[in-house]
Amino acid sequence: MFFWISACDFAFYPEFISRSGDGTTEVRVMRNHPSGAGDYQFRVDVRSATGVRTVLKHDHESAIGLVEIHWEGHQKFGLLVCNEISGNLLFAYDVESSSTLADSFFESDLRRQLATKYTLGRGVDAIRWACSTEGFAEYQRRRTQYADK
């Protein structure tokens, strides 16, 4: 007997969750494997007063590293997903109008936010650093540090 299970048959699990400053909107990066296994796919879900909707499906093999979000108010966000298999992803979305924005819409804000958060020196490309082995290691260290509290 032979069984075939496609990646689409797996349930999705949260890899990253962020809430807007006022708590009315939530963004979740969801992946389709519950363990640390690579080669999974992911999607971005938004939960707001109007319900939950998937705003991005990344149907390529992926290995998520650092994830960073920049909020503008509670209705717009820019998201960086470092992905060592299929390339890093910048994504921007306006929840109120249910529309994507130019990928680069929040790029400078994300760069500034990363540089401040991780105390990066002048001249360091914050996104390149964030998506490097060093950036991922620091991201993991901080996630573990805060999870233990």
C-alpha atoms as a PDB file:
ATOM      1  CA  MET A   1       0.000   0.000   0.000  1.00  0.00           C
ATOM      2  CA  PHE A   2       1.322   3.451  -0.922  1.00  0.00           C
ATOM      3  CA  PHE A   3       0.314   6.741   0.688  1.00  0.00           C
ATOM      4  CA  TRP A   4       1.210  10.151  -0.686  1.00  0.00           C
ATOM      5  CA  ILE A   5       0.830  13.267   1.408  1.00  0.00           C
ATOM      6  CA  SER A   6       1.468  16.663  -0.109  1.00  0.00           C
ATOM      7  CA  ALA A   7       2.688  19.676   1.860  1.00  0.00           C
ATOM      8  CA  CYS A   8      -0.790  21.174   1.423  1.00  0.00           C
ATOM      9  CA  ASP A   9      -2.235  18.472   3.676  1.00  0.00           C
ATOM     10  CA  PHE A  10      -0.350  19.680   6.767  1.00  0.00           C
ATOM     11  CA  ALA A  11      -1.939  21.940   9.319  1.00  0.00           C
ATOM     12  CA  PHE A  12      -0.392  25.368   9.717  1.00  0.00           C
ATOM     13  CA  TYR A  13       1.301  26.454  12.951  1.00  0.00           C
ATOM     14  CA  PRO A  14       2.341  29.939  14.103  1.00  0.00           C
ATOM     15  CA  GLU A  15       6.004  30.770  13.580  1.00  0.00           C
ATOM     16  CA  PHE A  16       5.633  34.456  14.484  1.00  0.00           C
ATOM     17  CA  ILE A  17       2.823  36.551  16.021  1.00  0.00           C
ATOM     18  CA  SER A  18       2.590  40.324  16.403  1.00  0.00           C
ATOM     19  CA  ARG A  19      -0.204  42.620  17.533  1.00  0.00           C
ATOM     20  CA  SER A  20      -0.685  46.261  16.626  1.00  0.00           C
ATOM     21  CA  GLY A  21      -0.045  48.791  19.372  1.00  0.00           C
ATOM     22  CA  ASP A  22      -3.731  49.041  20.222  1.00  0.00           C
ATOM     23  CA  GLY A  23      -4.213  45.260  20.054  1.00  0.00           C
ATOM     24  CA  THR A  24      -6.973  45.373  17.428  1.00  0.00           C
ATOM     25  CA  THR A  25      -4.996  43.705  14.636  1.00  0.00           C
ATOM     26  CA  GLU A  26      -2.818  40.607  14.737  1.00  0.00           C
ATOM     27  CA  VAL A  27      -0.375  39.297  12.132  1.00  0.00           C
ATOM     28  CA  ARG A  28       0.711  35.658  12.123  1.00  0.00           C
ATOM     29  CA  VAL A  29       3.363  34.025   9.972  1.00  0.00           C
ATOM     30  CA  MET A  30       2.092  30.444   9.755  1.00  0.00           C
ATOM     31  CA  ARG A  31       4.101  27.437   8.546  1.00  0.00           C
ATOM     32  CA  ASN A  32       2.969  23.971   7.575  1.00  0.00           C
ATOM     33  CA  HIS A  33       5.287  21.855   9.716  1.00  0.00           C
ATOM     34  CA  PRO A  34       5.155  21.763  13.512  1.00  0.00           C
ATOM     35  CA  SER A  35       8.874  21.075  13.982  1.00  0.00           C
ATOM     36  CA  GLY A  36      12.166  22.637  12.983  1.00  0.00           C
ATOM     37  CA  ALA A  37      12.142  20.830   9.634  1.00  0.00           C
ATOM     38  CA  GLY A  38      13.123  22.919   6.635  1.00  0.00           C
ATOM     39  CA  ASP A  39      11.500  22.785   3.225  1.00  0.00           C
ATOM     40  CA  TYR A  40       8.133  23.938   4.509  1.00  0.00           C
ATOM     41  CA  GLN A  41       5.829  26.586   3.105  1.00  0.00           C
ATOM     42  CA  PHE A  42       4.322  29.534   4.931  1.00  0.00           C
ATOM     43  CA  ARG A  43       1.544  32.090   4.780  1.00  0.00           C
ATOM     44  CA  VAL A  44       0.716  35.397   6.450  1.00  0.00           C
ATOM     45  CA  ASP A  45      -2.648  35.674   8.204  1.00  0.00           C
ATOM     46  CA  VAL A  46      -4.238  38.873   9.518  1.00  0.00           C
ATOM     47  CA  ARG A  47      -6.839  38.887  12.290  1.00  0.00           C
ATOM     48  CA  SER A  48      -8.867  42.060  12.738  1.00  0.00           C
ATOM     49  CA  ALA A  49     -12.413  43.154  13.563  1.00  0.00           C
ATOM     50  CA  THR A  50     -13.514  41.814  10.165  1.00  0.00           C
ATOM     51  CA  GLY A  51     -12.181  38.295  10.855  1.00  0.00           C
ATOM     52  CA  VAL A  52      -9.129  36.282   9.788  1.00  0.00           C
ATOM     53  CA  ARG A  53      -7.802  36.276   6.260  1.00  0.00           C
ATOM     54  CA  THR A  54      -4.697  34.973   4.542  1.00  0.00           C
ATOM     55  CA  VAL A  55      -2.987  37.924   2.855  1.00  0.00           C
ATOM     56  CA  LEU A  56       0.066  36.110   1.489  1.00  0.00           C
ATOM     57  CA  LYS A  57       0.832  32.510   0.530  1.00  0.00           C
ATOM     58  CA  HIS A  58       4.461  31.583  -0.015  1.00  0.00           C
ATOM     59  CA  ASP A  59       4.193  28.231  -1.785  1.00  0.00           C
ATOM     60  CA  HIS A  60       7.936  27.703  -2.198  1.00  0.00           C
ATOM     61  CA  GLU A  61      10.316  25.671  -0.086  1.00  0.00           C
ATOM     62  CA  SER A  62      11.284  27.796   2.875  1.00  0.00           C
ATOM     63  CA  ALA A  63      13.426  27.913   5.979  1.00  0.00           C
ATOM     64  CA  ILE A  64      12.349  30.910   8.034  1.00  0.00           C
ATOM     65  CA  GLY A  65      14.986  32.733  10.028  1.00  0.00           C
ATOM     66  CA  LEU A  66      14.489  36.156  11.571  1.00  0.00           C
ATOM     67  CA  VAL A  67      11.049  37.770  11.230  1.00  0.00           C
ATOM     68  CA  GLU A  68      10.555  41.484  11.889  1.00  0.00           C
ATOM     69  CA  ILE A  69       7.438  43.628  11.627  1.00  0.00           C
ATOM     70  CA  HIS A  70       6.998  47.392  11.530  1.00  0.00           C
ATOM     71  CA  TRP A  71       3.566  48.773  12.406  1.00  0.00           C
ATOM     72  CA  GLU A  72       2.207  52.097  11.235  1.00  0.00           C
ATOM     73  CA  GLY A  73      -0.740  52.660  13.528  1.00  0.00           C
ATOM     74  CA  HIS A  74      -2.898  49.563  13.796  1.00  0.00           C
ATOM     75  CA  GLN A  75      -3.870  49.185  10.140  1.00  0.00           C
ATOM     76  CA  LYS A  76      -0.620  49.073   8.121  1.00  0.00           C
ATOM     77  CA  PHE A  77       2.458  46.935   8.524  1.00  0.00           C
ATOM     78  CA  GLY A  78       5.680  46.017   6.810  1.00  0.00           C
ATOM     79  CA  LEU A  79       7.074  42.526   7.298  1.00  0.00           C
ATOM     80  CA  LEU A  80      10.534  41.062   6.716  1.00  0.00           C
ATOM     81  CA  VAL A  81      10.789  37.281   6.572  1.00  0.00           C
ATOM     82  CA  CYS A  82      14.357  36.038   6.232  1.00  0.00           C
ATOM     83  CA  ASN A  83      14.250  32.854   4.191  1.00  0.00           C
ATOM     84  CA  GLU A  84      17.490  31.045   3.468  1.00  0.00           C
ATOM     85  CA  ILE A  85      16.039  28.685   0.852  1.00  0.00           C
ATOM     86  CA  SER A  86      13.878  30.769  -1.480  1.00  0.00           C
ATOM     87  CA  GLY A  87      15.064  34.287  -0.694  1.00  0.00           C
ATOM     88  CA  ASN A  88      14.136  36.973   1.788  1.00  0.00           C
ATOM     89  CA  LEU A  89      10.688  38.517   1.624  1.00  0.00           C
ATOM     90  CA  LEU A  90       9.588  42.094   2.196  1.00  0.00           C
ATOM     91  CA  PHE A  91       5.822  42.474   2.347  1.00  0.00           C
ATOM     92  CA  ALA A  92       3.629  45.484   3.137  1.00  0.00           C
ATOM     93  CA  TYR A  93      -0.106  45.485   3.759  1.00  0.00           C
ATOM     94  CA  ASP A  94      -2.938  47.891   4.550  1.00  0.00           C
ATOM     95  CA  VAL A  95      -5.532  46.061   6.667  1.00  0.00           C
ATOM     96  CA  GLU A  96      -8.188  48.776   6.375  1.00  0.00           C
ATOM     97  CA  SER A  97      -8.246  48.687   2.565  1.00  0.00           C
ATOM     98  CA  SER A  98      -7.374  44.964   2.354  1.00  0.00           C
ATOM     99  CA  SER A  99      -4.604  45.736  -0.097  1.00  0.00           C
ATOM    100  CA  THR A 100      -0.933  45.065  -0.489  1.00  0.00           C
ATOM    101  CA  LEU A 101       1.426  47.999  -0.645  1.00  0.00           C
ATOM    102  CA  ALA A 102       4.708  48.195  -2.527  1.00  0.00           C
ATOM    103  CA  ASP A 103       7.117  45.681  -0.979  1.00  0.00           C
ATOM    104  CA  SER A 104       9.555  48.505  -0.295  1.00  0.00           C
ATOM    105  CA  PHE A 105       6.922  50.724   1.406  1.00  0.00           C
ATOM    106  CA  PHE A 106       8.308  50.100   4.921  1.00  0.00           C
ATOM    107  CA  GLU A 107      11.834  49.014   3.963  1.00  0.00           C
ATOM    108  CA  SER A 108      13.598  52.072   5.427  1.00  0.00           C
ATOM    109  CA  ASP A 109      11.482  51.816   8.616  1.00  0.00           C
ATOM    110  CA  LEU A 110      12.390  48.140   8.977  1.00  0.00           C
ATOM    111  CA  ARG A 111      16.089  48.925   8.436  1.00  0.00           C
ATOM    112  CA  ARG A 112      16.002  51.648  11.120  1.00  0.00           C
ATOM    113  CA  GLN A 113      14.046  49.433  13.509  1.00  0.00           C
ATOM    114  CA  LEU A 114      16.469  46.516  13.090  1.00  0.00           C
ATOM    115  CA  ALA A 115      19.519  48.779  13.504  1.00  0.00           C
ATOM    116  CA  THR A 116      18.109  50.185  16.744  1.00  0.00           C
ATOM    117  CA  LYS A 117      16.801  46.899  18.141  1.00  0.00           C
ATOM    118  CA  TYR A 118      20.036  44.997  17.531  1.00  0.00           C
ATOM    119  CA  THR A 119      22.395  47.970  18.094  1.00  0.00           C
ATOM    120  CA  LEU A 120      23.972  47.713  14.662  1.00  0.00           C
ATOM    121  CA  GLY A 121      26.823  50.045  13.787  1.00  0.00           C
ATOM    122  CA  ARG A 122      26.744  52.732  11.125  1.00  0.00           C
ATOM    123  CA  GLY A 123      27.226  51.402   7.642  1.00  0.00           C
ATOM    124  CA  VAL A 124      25.823  47.954   8.490  1.00  0.00           C
ATOM    125  CA  ASP A 125      23.123  46.848   6.054  1.00  0.00           C
ATOM    126  CA  ALA A 126      20.446  45.981   8.633  1.00  0.00           C
ATOM    127  CA  ILE A 127      18.428  43.646   6.408  1.00  0.00           C
ATOM    128  CA  ARG A 128      21.508  41.815   5.149  1.00  0.00           C
ATOM    129  CA  TRP A 129      22.680  41.423   8.767  1.00  0.00           C
ATOM    130  CA  ALA A 130      19.212  40.310   9.954  1.00  0.00           C
ATOM    131  CA  CYS A 131      19.097  37.594   7.306  1.00  0.00           C
ATOM    132  CA  SER A 132      22.643  36.375   8.006  1.00  0.00           C
ATOM    133  CA  THR A 133      23.658  33.503  10.274  1.00  0.00           C
ATOM    134  CA  GLU A 134      24.726  36.054  12.893  1.00  0.00           C
ATOM    135  CA  GLY A 135      21.378  37.863  12.747  1.00  0.00           C
ATOM    136  CA  PHE A 136      19.396  34.636  13.026  1.00  0.00           C
ATOM    137  CA  ALA A 137      21.499  33.494  16.003  1.00  0.00           C
ATOM    138  CA  GLU A 138      20.815  36.768  17.847  1.00  0.00           C
ATOM    139  CA  TYR A 139      17.107  36.567  16.963  1.00  0.00           C
ATOM    140  CA  GLN A 140      16.926  33.003  18.340  1.00  0.00           C
ATOM    141  CA  ARG A 141      18.843  33.990  21.480  1.00  0.00           C
ATOM    142  CA  ARG A 142      16.374  36.794  22.187  1.00  0.00           C
ATOM    143  CA  ARG A 143      13.327  34.631  21.458  1.00  0.00           C
ATOM    144  CA  THR A 144      14.598  32.000  23.878  1.00  0.00           C
ATOM    145  CA  GLN A 145      15.482  34.631  26.484  1.00  0.00           C
ATOM    146  CA  TYR A 146      11.964  36.138  26.406  1.00  0.00           C
ATOM    147  CA  ALA A 147      10.235  32.737  26.235  1.00  0.00           C
ATOM    148  CA  ASP A 148      11.942  31.730  29.500  1.00  0.00           C
ATOM    149  CA  LYS A 149      10.378  34.652  31.390  1.00  0.00           C
END
